[in-house]
Amino acid sequence: MRQAKVHYQGWDIVPFAIETADGNWEASCELEREGPEGLETFQGVSANLVHHDKERALSLAVSDARRKIDDMVADPVFQFGKHDTL
């Protein structure tokens, strides 16, 4: 279930949560921003976080997405989902 967007440092964080078979909640986020060629969407940015409380799962996923944005701001070469192997 898609939740309201959270705005952070020029990005829209789009959290999602689904209820698991065992009654927990699994949440993750996508990122969106307007780029030179229109809307850019980055899927699978945050980890899939599981918690028994839906709001807590969403909060954890949004916090993880914010850390990823902070990493990118600190290192503009940073790419989502890729680890540096120099």
PDB file of N, CA and C in Angstrom:
ATOM      1  N   MET A   1       0.829  -1.157   0.000  1.00  0.00           N
ATOM      2  CA  MET A   1       0.000   0.000   0.000  1.00  0.00           C
ATOM      3  C   MET A   1       0.893   1.247   0.000  1.00  0.00           C
ATOM      4  N   ARG A   2       0.725   2.067  -1.002  1.00  0.00           N
ATOM      5  CA  ARG A   2       1.522   3.290  -1.135  1.00  0.00           C
ATOM      6  C   ARG A   2       1.068   4.322  -0.113  1.00  0.00           C
ATOM      7  N   GLN A   3       2.034   5.004   0.498  1.00  0.00           N
ATOM      8  CA  GLN A   3       1.759   6.013   1.510  1.00  0.00           C
ATOM      9  C   GLN A   3       2.049   7.399   0.930  1.00  0.00           C
ATOM     10  N   ALA A   4       1.751   8.439   1.710  1.00  0.00           N
ATOM     11  CA  ALA A   4       2.018   9.812   1.285  1.00  0.00           C
ATOM     12  C   ALA A   4       3.521  10.026   1.124  1.00  0.00           C
ATOM     13  N   LYS A   5       3.887  10.832   0.153  1.00  0.00           N
ATOM     14  CA  LYS A   5       5.297  11.141  -0.091  1.00  0.00           C
ATOM     15  C   LYS A   5       5.864  11.976   1.040  1.00  0.00           C
ATOM     16  N   VAL A   6       7.153  11.762   1.305  1.00  0.00           N
ATOM     17  CA  VAL A   6       7.888  12.549   2.281  1.00  0.00           C
ATOM     18  C   VAL A   6       8.935  13.325   1.501  1.00  0.00           C
ATOM     19  N   HIS A   7       8.984  14.641   1.663  1.00  0.00           N
ATOM     20  CA  HIS A   7       9.946  15.472   0.945  1.00  0.00           C
ATOM     21  C   HIS A   7      11.214  15.611   1.784  1.00  0.00           C
ATOM     22  N   TYR A   8      12.375  15.396   1.138  1.00  0.00           N
ATOM     23  CA  TYR A   8      13.649  15.467   1.856  1.00  0.00           C
ATOM     24  C   TYR A   8      14.754  15.845   0.888  1.00  0.00           C
ATOM     25  N   GLN A   9      15.400  16.961   1.097  1.00  0.00           N
ATOM     26  CA  GLN A   9      16.546  17.445   0.325  1.00  0.00           C
ATOM     27  C   GLN A   9      16.332  17.372  -1.197  1.00  0.00           C
ATOM     28  N   GLY A  10      15.176  17.828  -1.640  1.00  0.00           N
ATOM     29  CA  GLY A  10      14.892  17.865  -3.069  1.00  0.00           C
ATOM     30  C   GLY A  10      14.375  16.555  -3.641  1.00  0.00           C
ATOM     31  N   TRP A  11      14.180  15.563  -2.809  1.00  0.00           N
ATOM     32  CA  TRP A  11      13.681  14.258  -3.235  1.00  0.00           C
ATOM     33  C   TRP A  11      12.304  14.010  -2.643  1.00  0.00           C
ATOM     34  N   ASP A  12      11.522  13.191  -3.320  1.00  0.00           N
ATOM     35  CA  ASP A  12      10.289  12.657  -2.758  1.00  0.00           C
ATOM     36  C   ASP A  12      10.566  11.208  -2.372  1.00  0.00           C
ATOM     37  N   ILE A  13      10.391  10.902  -1.107  1.00  0.00           N
ATOM     38  CA  ILE A  13      10.500   9.530  -0.624  1.00  0.00           C
ATOM     39  C   ILE A  13       9.098   8.949  -0.661  1.00  0.00           C
ATOM     40  N   VAL A  14       8.935   7.835  -1.355  1.00  0.00           N
ATOM     41  CA  VAL A  14       7.623   7.209  -1.519  1.00  0.00           C
ATOM     42  C   VAL A  14       7.633   5.871  -0.783  1.00  0.00           C
ATOM     43  N   PRO A  15       7.078   5.828   0.431  1.00  0.00           N
ATOM     44  CA  PRO A  15       7.082   4.581   1.198  1.00  0.00           C
ATOM     45  C   PRO A  15       5.919   3.664   0.812  1.00  0.00           C
ATOM     46  N   PHE A  16       6.181   2.371   0.922  1.00  0.00           N
ATOM     47  CA  PHE A  16       5.184   1.336   0.663  1.00  0.00           C
ATOM     48  C   PHE A  16       5.192   0.371   1.838  1.00  0.00           C
ATOM     49  N   ALA A  17       4.051  -0.182   2.170  1.00  0.00           N
ATOM     50  CA  ALA A  17       3.986  -1.210   3.207  1.00  0.00           C
ATOM     51  C   ALA A  17       2.980  -2.275   2.801  1.00  0.00           C
ATOM     52  N   ILE A  18       3.335  -3.527   3.045  1.00  0.00           N
ATOM     53  CA  ILE A  18       2.413  -4.634   2.813  1.00  0.00           C
ATOM     54  C   ILE A  18       2.410  -5.524   4.049  1.00  0.00           C
ATOM     55  N   GLU A  19       1.259  -6.092   4.321  1.00  0.00           N
ATOM     56  CA  GLU A  19       1.156  -7.002   5.448  1.00  0.00           C
ATOM     57  C   GLU A  19       1.631  -8.379   5.009  1.00  0.00           C
ATOM     58  N   THR A  20       2.464  -8.998   5.831  1.00  0.00           N
ATOM     59  CA  THR A  20       2.996 -10.325   5.510  1.00  0.00           C
ATOM     60  C   THR A  20       2.023 -11.400   6.003  1.00  0.00           C
ATOM     61  N   ALA A  21       2.259 -12.630   5.565  1.00  0.00           N
ATOM     62  CA  ALA A  21       1.383 -13.745   5.935  1.00  0.00           C
ATOM     63  C   ALA A  21       1.339 -13.975   7.445  1.00  0.00           C
ATOM     64  N   ASP A  22       2.411 -13.622   8.145  1.00  0.00           N
ATOM     65  CA  ASP A  22       2.450 -13.842   9.596  1.00  0.00           C
ATOM     66  C   ASP A  22       1.970 -12.638  10.398  1.00  0.00           C
ATOM     67  N   GLY A  23       1.374 -11.648   9.732  1.00  0.00           N
ATOM     68  CA  GLY A  23       0.789 -10.512  10.426  1.00  0.00           C
ATOM     69  C   GLY A  23       1.734  -9.351  10.682  1.00  0.00           C
ATOM     70  N   ASN A  24       2.966  -9.453  10.232  1.00  0.00           N
ATOM     71  CA  ASN A  24       3.906  -8.343  10.331  1.00  0.00           C
ATOM     72  C   ASN A  24       3.705  -7.401   9.153  1.00  0.00           C
ATOM     73  N   TRP A  25       4.469  -6.305   9.137  1.00  0.00           N
ATOM     74  CA  TRP A  25       4.433  -5.347   8.035  1.00  0.00           C
ATOM     75  C   TRP A  25       5.816  -5.228   7.426  1.00  0.00           C
ATOM     76  N   GLU A  26       5.891  -5.294   6.108  1.00  0.00           N
ATOM     77  CA  GLU A  26       7.143  -5.121   5.381  1.00  0.00           C
ATOM     78  C   GLU A  26       7.064  -3.801   4.624  1.00  0.00           C
ATOM     79  N   ALA A  27       8.054  -2.940   4.848  1.00  0.00           N
ATOM     80  CA  ALA A  27       8.034  -1.608   4.241  1.00  0.00           C
ATOM     81  C   ALA A  27       9.337  -1.349   3.494  1.00  0.00           C
ATOM     82  N   SER A  28       9.234  -0.573   2.427  1.00  0.00           N
ATOM     83  CA  SER A  28      10.398  -0.118   1.677  1.00  0.00           C
ATOM     84  C   SER A  28      10.025   1.204   1.014  1.00  0.00           C
ATOM     85  N   CYS A  29      11.003   1.817   0.342  1.00  0.00           N
ATOM     86  CA  CYS A  29      10.763   3.128  -0.275  1.00  0.00           C
ATOM     87  C   CYS A  29      11.351   3.188  -1.673  1.00  0.00           C
ATOM     88  N   GLU A  30      10.744   4.034  -2.467  1.00  0.00           N
ATOM     89  CA  GLU A  30      11.295   4.467  -3.744  1.00  0.00           C
ATOM     90  C   GLU A  30      11.616   5.946  -3.607  1.00  0.00           C
ATOM     91  N   LEU A  31      12.482   6.438  -4.462  1.00  0.00           N
ATOM     92  CA  LEU A  31      12.776   7.867  -4.498  1.00  0.00           C
ATOM     93  C   LEU A  31      12.350   8.425  -5.846  1.00  0.00           C
ATOM     94  N   GLU A  32      11.858   9.642  -5.823  1.00  0.00           N
ATOM     95  CA  GLU A  32      11.480  10.341  -7.054  1.00  0.00           C
ATOM     96  C   GLU A  32      12.024  11.760  -7.000  1.00  0.00           C
ATOM     97  N   ARG A  33      12.366  12.287  -8.179  1.00  0.00           N
ATOM     98  CA  ARG A  33      12.716  13.705  -8.303  1.00  0.00           C
ATOM     99  C   ARG A  33      12.555  14.092  -9.764  1.00  0.00           C
ATOM    100  N   GLU A  34      12.349  15.378  -9.959  1.00  0.00           N
ATOM    101  CA  GLU A  34      12.260  15.910 -11.322  1.00  0.00           C
ATOM    102  C   GLU A  34      13.674  16.107 -11.841  1.00  0.00           C
ATOM    103  N   GLY A  35      13.983  15.453 -12.934  1.00  0.00           N
ATOM    104  CA  GLY A  35      15.279  15.600 -13.578  1.00  0.00           C
ATOM    105  C   GLY A  35      15.134  16.356 -14.881  1.00  0.00           C
ATOM    106  N   PRO A  36      16.231  16.524 -15.613  1.00  0.00           N
ATOM    107  CA  PRO A  36      16.181  17.273 -16.872  1.00  0.00           C
ATOM    108  C   PRO A  36      15.287  16.616 -17.926  1.00  0.00           C
ATOM    109  N   GLU A  37      15.067  15.309 -17.784  1.00  0.00           N
ATOM    110  CA  GLU A  37      14.243  14.596 -18.764  1.00  0.00           C
ATOM    111  C   GLU A  37      12.900  14.169 -18.182  1.00  0.00           C
ATOM    112  N   GLY A  38      12.493  14.791 -17.074  1.00  0.00           N
ATOM    113  CA  GLY A  38      11.220  14.456 -16.456  1.00  0.00           C
ATOM    114  C   GLY A  38      11.411  13.740 -15.125  1.00  0.00           C
ATOM    115  N   LEU A  39      10.385  13.048 -14.681  1.00  0.00           N
ATOM    116  CA  LEU A  39      10.403  12.380 -13.387  1.00  0.00           C
ATOM    117  C   LEU A  39      11.344  11.179 -13.401  1.00  0.00           C
ATOM    118  N   GLU A  40      12.274  11.169 -12.448  1.00  0.00           N
ATOM    119  CA  GLU A  40      13.186  10.041 -12.265  1.00  0.00           C
ATOM    120  C   GLU A  40      12.700   9.249 -11.054  1.00  0.00           C
ATOM    121  N   THR A  41      12.638   7.937 -11.187  1.00  0.00           N
ATOM    122  CA  THR A  41      12.223   7.070 -10.090  1.00  0.00           C
ATOM    123  C   THR A  41      13.309   6.047  -9.837  1.00  0.00           C
ATOM    124  N   PHE A  42      13.681   5.913  -8.573  1.00  0.00           N
ATOM    125  CA  PHE A  42      14.680   4.932  -8.157  1.00  0.00           C
ATOM    126  C   PHE A  42      13.984   3.935  -7.251  1.00  0.00           C
ATOM    127  N   GLN A  43      13.868   2.693  -7.717  1.00  0.00           N
ATOM    128  CA  GLN A  43      13.176   1.655  -6.959  1.00  0.00           C
ATOM    129  C   GLN A  43      14.162   0.864  -6.115  1.00  0.00           C
ATOM    130  N   GLY A  44      13.648   0.272  -5.047  1.00  0.00           N
ATOM    131  CA  GLY A  44      14.470  -0.584  -4.206  1.00  0.00           C
ATOM    132  C   GLY A  44      15.564   0.161  -3.477  1.00  0.00           C
ATOM    133  N   VAL A  45      15.334   1.415  -3.141  1.00  0.00           N
ATOM    134  CA  VAL A  45      16.358   2.237  -2.503  1.00  0.00           C
ATOM    135  C   VAL A  45      16.579   1.817  -1.058  1.00  0.00           C
ATOM    136  N   SER A  46      15.505   1.629  -0.329  1.00  0.00           N
ATOM    137  CA  SER A  46      15.665   1.241   1.068  1.00  0.00           C
ATOM    138  C   SER A  46      15.596  -0.284   1.189  1.00  0.00           C
ATOM    139  N   ALA A  47      16.087  -0.766   2.300  1.00  0.00           N
ATOM    140  CA  ALA A  47      15.975  -2.194   2.594  1.00  0.00           C
ATOM    141  C   ALA A  47      14.506  -2.522   2.849  1.00  0.00           C
ATOM    142  N   ASN A  48      14.133  -3.786   2.678  1.00  0.00           N
ATOM    143  CA  ASN A  48      12.795  -4.223   3.061  1.00  0.00           C
ATOM    144  C   ASN A  48      12.819  -4.446   4.566  1.00  0.00           C
ATOM    145  N   LEU A  49      12.139  -3.586   5.294  1.00  0.00           N
ATOM    146  CA  LEU A  49      12.172  -3.612   6.751  1.00  0.00           C
ATOM    147  C   LEU A  49      10.871  -4.180   7.296  1.00  0.00           C
ATOM    148  N   VAL A  50      10.984  -5.111   8.224  1.00  0.00           N
ATOM    149  CA  VAL A  50       9.816  -5.805   8.759  1.00  0.00           C
ATOM    150  C   VAL A  50       9.659  -5.456  10.232  1.00  0.00           C
ATOM    151  N   HIS A  51       8.414  -5.181  10.602  1.00  0.00           N
ATOM    152  CA  HIS A  51       8.096  -4.882  12.003  1.00  0.00           C
ATOM    153  C   HIS A  51       6.645  -5.285  12.244  1.00  0.00           C
ATOM    154  N   HIS A  52       6.294  -5.552  13.496  1.00  0.00           N
ATOM    155  CA  HIS A  52       4.902  -5.937  13.796  1.00  0.00           C
ATOM    156  C   HIS A  52       3.945  -4.746  13.715  1.00  0.00           C
ATOM    157  N   ASP A  53       4.495  -3.526  13.778  1.00  0.00           N
ATOM    158  CA  ASP A  53       3.689  -2.318  13.698  1.00  0.00           C
ATOM    159  C   ASP A  53       3.906  -1.647  12.336  1.00  0.00           C
ATOM    160  N   LYS A  54       2.826  -1.393  11.618  1.00  0.00           N
ATOM    161  CA  LYS A  54       2.919  -0.805  10.272  1.00  0.00           C
ATOM    162  C   LYS A  54       3.632   0.541  10.290  1.00  0.00           C
ATOM    163  N   GLU A  55       3.231   1.437  11.189  1.00  0.00           N
ATOM    164  CA  GLU A  55       3.829   2.777  11.219  1.00  0.00           C
ATOM    165  C   GLU A  55       5.319   2.715  11.538  1.00  0.00           C
ATOM    166  N   ARG A  56       5.719   1.799  12.409  1.00  0.00           N
ATOM    167  CA  ARG A  56       7.143   1.660  12.743  1.00  0.00           C
ATOM    168  C   ARG A  56       7.916   1.127  11.542  1.00  0.00           C
ATOM    169  N   ALA A  57       7.354   0.168  10.810  1.00  0.00           N
ATOM    170  CA  ALA A  57       8.015  -0.353   9.605  1.00  0.00           C
ATOM    171  C   ALA A  57       8.207   0.759   8.587  1.00  0.00           C
ATOM    172  N   LEU A  58       7.183   1.586   8.393  1.00  0.00           N
ATOM    173  CA  LEU A  58       7.291   2.703   7.455  1.00  0.00           C
ATOM    174  C   LEU A  58       8.331   3.711   7.922  1.00  0.00           C
ATOM    175  N   SER A  59       8.338   4.005   9.211  1.00  0.00           N
ATOM    176  CA  SER A  59       9.308   4.952   9.761  1.00  0.00           C
ATOM    177  C   SER A  59      10.740   4.462   9.555  1.00  0.00           C
ATOM    178  N   LEU A  60      10.976   3.181   9.773  1.00  0.00           N
ATOM    179  CA  LEU A  60      12.310   2.608   9.567  1.00  0.00           C
ATOM    180  C   LEU A  60      12.729   2.699   8.100  1.00  0.00           C
ATOM    181  N   ALA A  61      11.790   2.425   7.187  1.00  0.00           N
ATOM    182  CA  ALA A  61      12.096   2.479   5.760  1.00  0.00           C
ATOM    183  C   ALA A  61      12.407   3.909   5.318  1.00  0.00           C
ATOM    184  N   VAL A  62      11.638   4.882   5.809  1.00  0.00           N
ATOM    185  CA  VAL A  62      11.878   6.287   5.461  1.00  0.00           C
ATOM    186  C   VAL A  62      13.229   6.738   6.016  1.00  0.00           C
ATOM    187  N   SER A  63      13.547   6.336   7.228  1.00  0.00           N
ATOM    188  CA  SER A  63      14.858   6.693   7.816  1.00  0.00           C
ATOM    189  C   SER A  63      15.993   6.123   6.982  1.00  0.00           C
ATOM    190  N   ASP A  64      15.836   4.894   6.504  1.00  0.00           N
ATOM    191  CA  ASP A  64      16.862   4.270   5.661  1.00  0.00           C
ATOM    192  C   ASP A  64      17.003   5.037   4.344  1.00  0.00           C
ATOM    193  N   ALA A  65      15.886   5.433   3.754  1.00  0.00           N
ATOM    194  CA  ALA A  65      15.924   6.205   2.499  1.00  0.00           C
ATOM    195  C   ALA A  65      16.599   7.560   2.714  1.00  0.00           C
ATOM    196  N   ARG A  66      16.337   8.201   3.846  1.00  0.00           N
ATOM    197  CA  ARG A  66      16.994   9.481   4.148  1.00  0.00           C
ATOM    198  C   ARG A  66      18.505   9.308   4.254  1.00  0.00           C
ATOM    199  N   ARG A  67      18.947   8.209   4.877  1.00  0.00           N
ATOM    200  CA  ARG A  67      20.396   7.942   4.963  1.00  0.00           C
ATOM    201  C   ARG A  67      20.989   7.764   3.571  1.00  0.00           C
ATOM    202  N   LYS A  68      20.270   7.117   2.677  1.00  0.00           N
ATOM    203  CA  LYS A  68      20.765   6.936   1.310  1.00  0.00           C
ATOM    204  C   LYS A  68      20.876   8.281   0.600  1.00  0.00           C
ATOM    205  N   ILE A  69      19.900   9.160   0.798  1.00  0.00           N
ATOM    206  CA  ILE A  69      19.968  10.497   0.205  1.00  0.00           C
ATOM    207  C   ILE A  69      21.156  11.255   0.781  1.00  0.00           C
ATOM    208  N   ASP A  70      21.344  11.184   2.100  1.00  0.00           N
ATOM    209  CA  ASP A  70      22.490  11.849   2.727  1.00  0.00           C
ATOM    210  C   ASP A  70      23.801  11.340   2.148  1.00  0.00           C
ATOM    211  N   ASP A  71      23.898  10.030   1.920  1.00  0.00           N
ATOM    212  CA  ASP A  71      25.103   9.460   1.313  1.00  0.00           C
ATOM    213  C   ASP A  71      25.341  10.039  -0.073  1.00  0.00           C
ATOM    214  N   MET A  72      24.263  10.170  -0.836  1.00  0.00           N
ATOM    215  CA  MET A  72      24.395  10.690  -2.186  1.00  0.00           C
ATOM    216  C   MET A  72      24.794  12.169  -2.181  1.00  0.00           C
ATOM    217  N   VAL A  73      24.242  12.940  -1.259  1.00  0.00           N
ATOM    218  CA  VAL A  73      24.591  14.358  -1.157  1.00  0.00           C
ATOM    219  C   VAL A  73      26.065  14.497  -0.769  1.00  0.00           C
ATOM    220  N   ALA A  74      26.516  13.646   0.146  1.00  0.00           N
ATOM    221  CA  ALA A  74      27.915  13.688   0.587  1.00  0.00           C
ATOM    222  C   ALA A  74      28.873  13.234  -0.507  1.00  0.00           C
ATOM    223  N   ASP A  75      28.424  12.318  -1.370  1.00  0.00           N
ATOM    224  CA  ASP A  75      29.263  11.772  -2.438  1.00  0.00           C
ATOM    225  C   ASP A  75      28.437  11.730  -3.721  1.00  0.00           C
ATOM    226  N   PRO A  76      28.487  12.796  -4.545  1.00  0.00           N
ATOM    227  CA  PRO A  76      27.637  12.874  -5.745  1.00  0.00           C
ATOM    228  C   PRO A  76      27.839  11.733  -6.745  1.00  0.00           C
ATOM    229  N   VAL A  77      28.925  10.989  -6.625  1.00  0.00           N
ATOM    230  CA  VAL A  77      29.166   9.864  -7.525  1.00  0.00           C
ATOM    231  C   VAL A  77      28.434   8.615  -7.040  1.00  0.00           C
ATOM    232  N   PHE A  78      27.913   8.666  -5.806  1.00  0.00           N
ATOM    233  CA  PHE A  78      27.194   7.554  -5.198  1.00  0.00           C
ATOM    234  C   PHE A  78      26.076   7.083  -6.115  1.00  0.00           C
ATOM    235  N   GLN A  79      25.950   5.751  -6.259  1.00  0.00           N
ATOM    236  CA  GLN A  79      24.873   5.179  -7.055  1.00  0.00           C
ATOM    237  C   GLN A  79      24.088   4.219  -6.185  1.00  0.00           C
ATOM    238  N   PHE A  80      22.770   4.320  -6.216  1.00  0.00           N
ATOM    239  CA  PHE A  80      21.931   3.444  -5.427  1.00  0.00           C
ATOM    240  C   PHE A  80      22.131   1.996  -5.834  1.00  0.00           C
ATOM    241  N   GLY A  81      22.272   1.143  -4.823  1.00  0.00           N
ATOM    242  CA  GLY A  81      22.360  -0.286  -5.083  1.00  0.00           C
ATOM    243  C   GLY A  81      23.711  -0.766  -5.535  1.00  0.00           C
ATOM    244  N   LYS A  82      24.688   0.107  -5.620  1.00  0.00           N
ATOM    245  CA  LYS A  82      26.025  -0.303  -6.065  1.00  0.00           C
ATOM    246  C   LYS A  82      27.020   0.024  -4.974  1.00  0.00           C
ATOM    247  N   HIS A  83      27.964  -0.860  -4.779  1.00  0.00           N
ATOM    248  CA  HIS A  83      29.011  -0.641  -3.794  1.00  0.00           C
ATOM    249  C   HIS A  83      30.295  -0.285  -4.509  1.00  0.00           C
ATOM    250  N   ASP A  84      31.034   0.625  -3.920  1.00  0.00           N
ATOM    251  CA  ASP A  84      32.296   1.039  -4.536  1.00  0.00           C
ATOM    252  C   ASP A  84      33.299  -0.101  -4.520  1.00  0.00           C
ATOM    253  N   THR A  85      33.821  -0.410  -5.690  1.00  0.00           N
ATOM    254  CA  THR A  85      34.898  -1.400  -5.804  1.00  0.00           C
ATOM    255  C   THR A  85      35.964  -0.803  -6.688  1.00  0.00           C
ATOM    256  N   LEU A  86      36.852  -0.066  -6.063  1.00  0.00           N
ATOM    257  CA  LEU A  86      37.887   0.647  -6.833  1.00  0.00           C
ATOM    258  C   LEU A  86      39.031  -0.248  -7.205  1.00  0.00           C
TER     259      LEU A  86
END
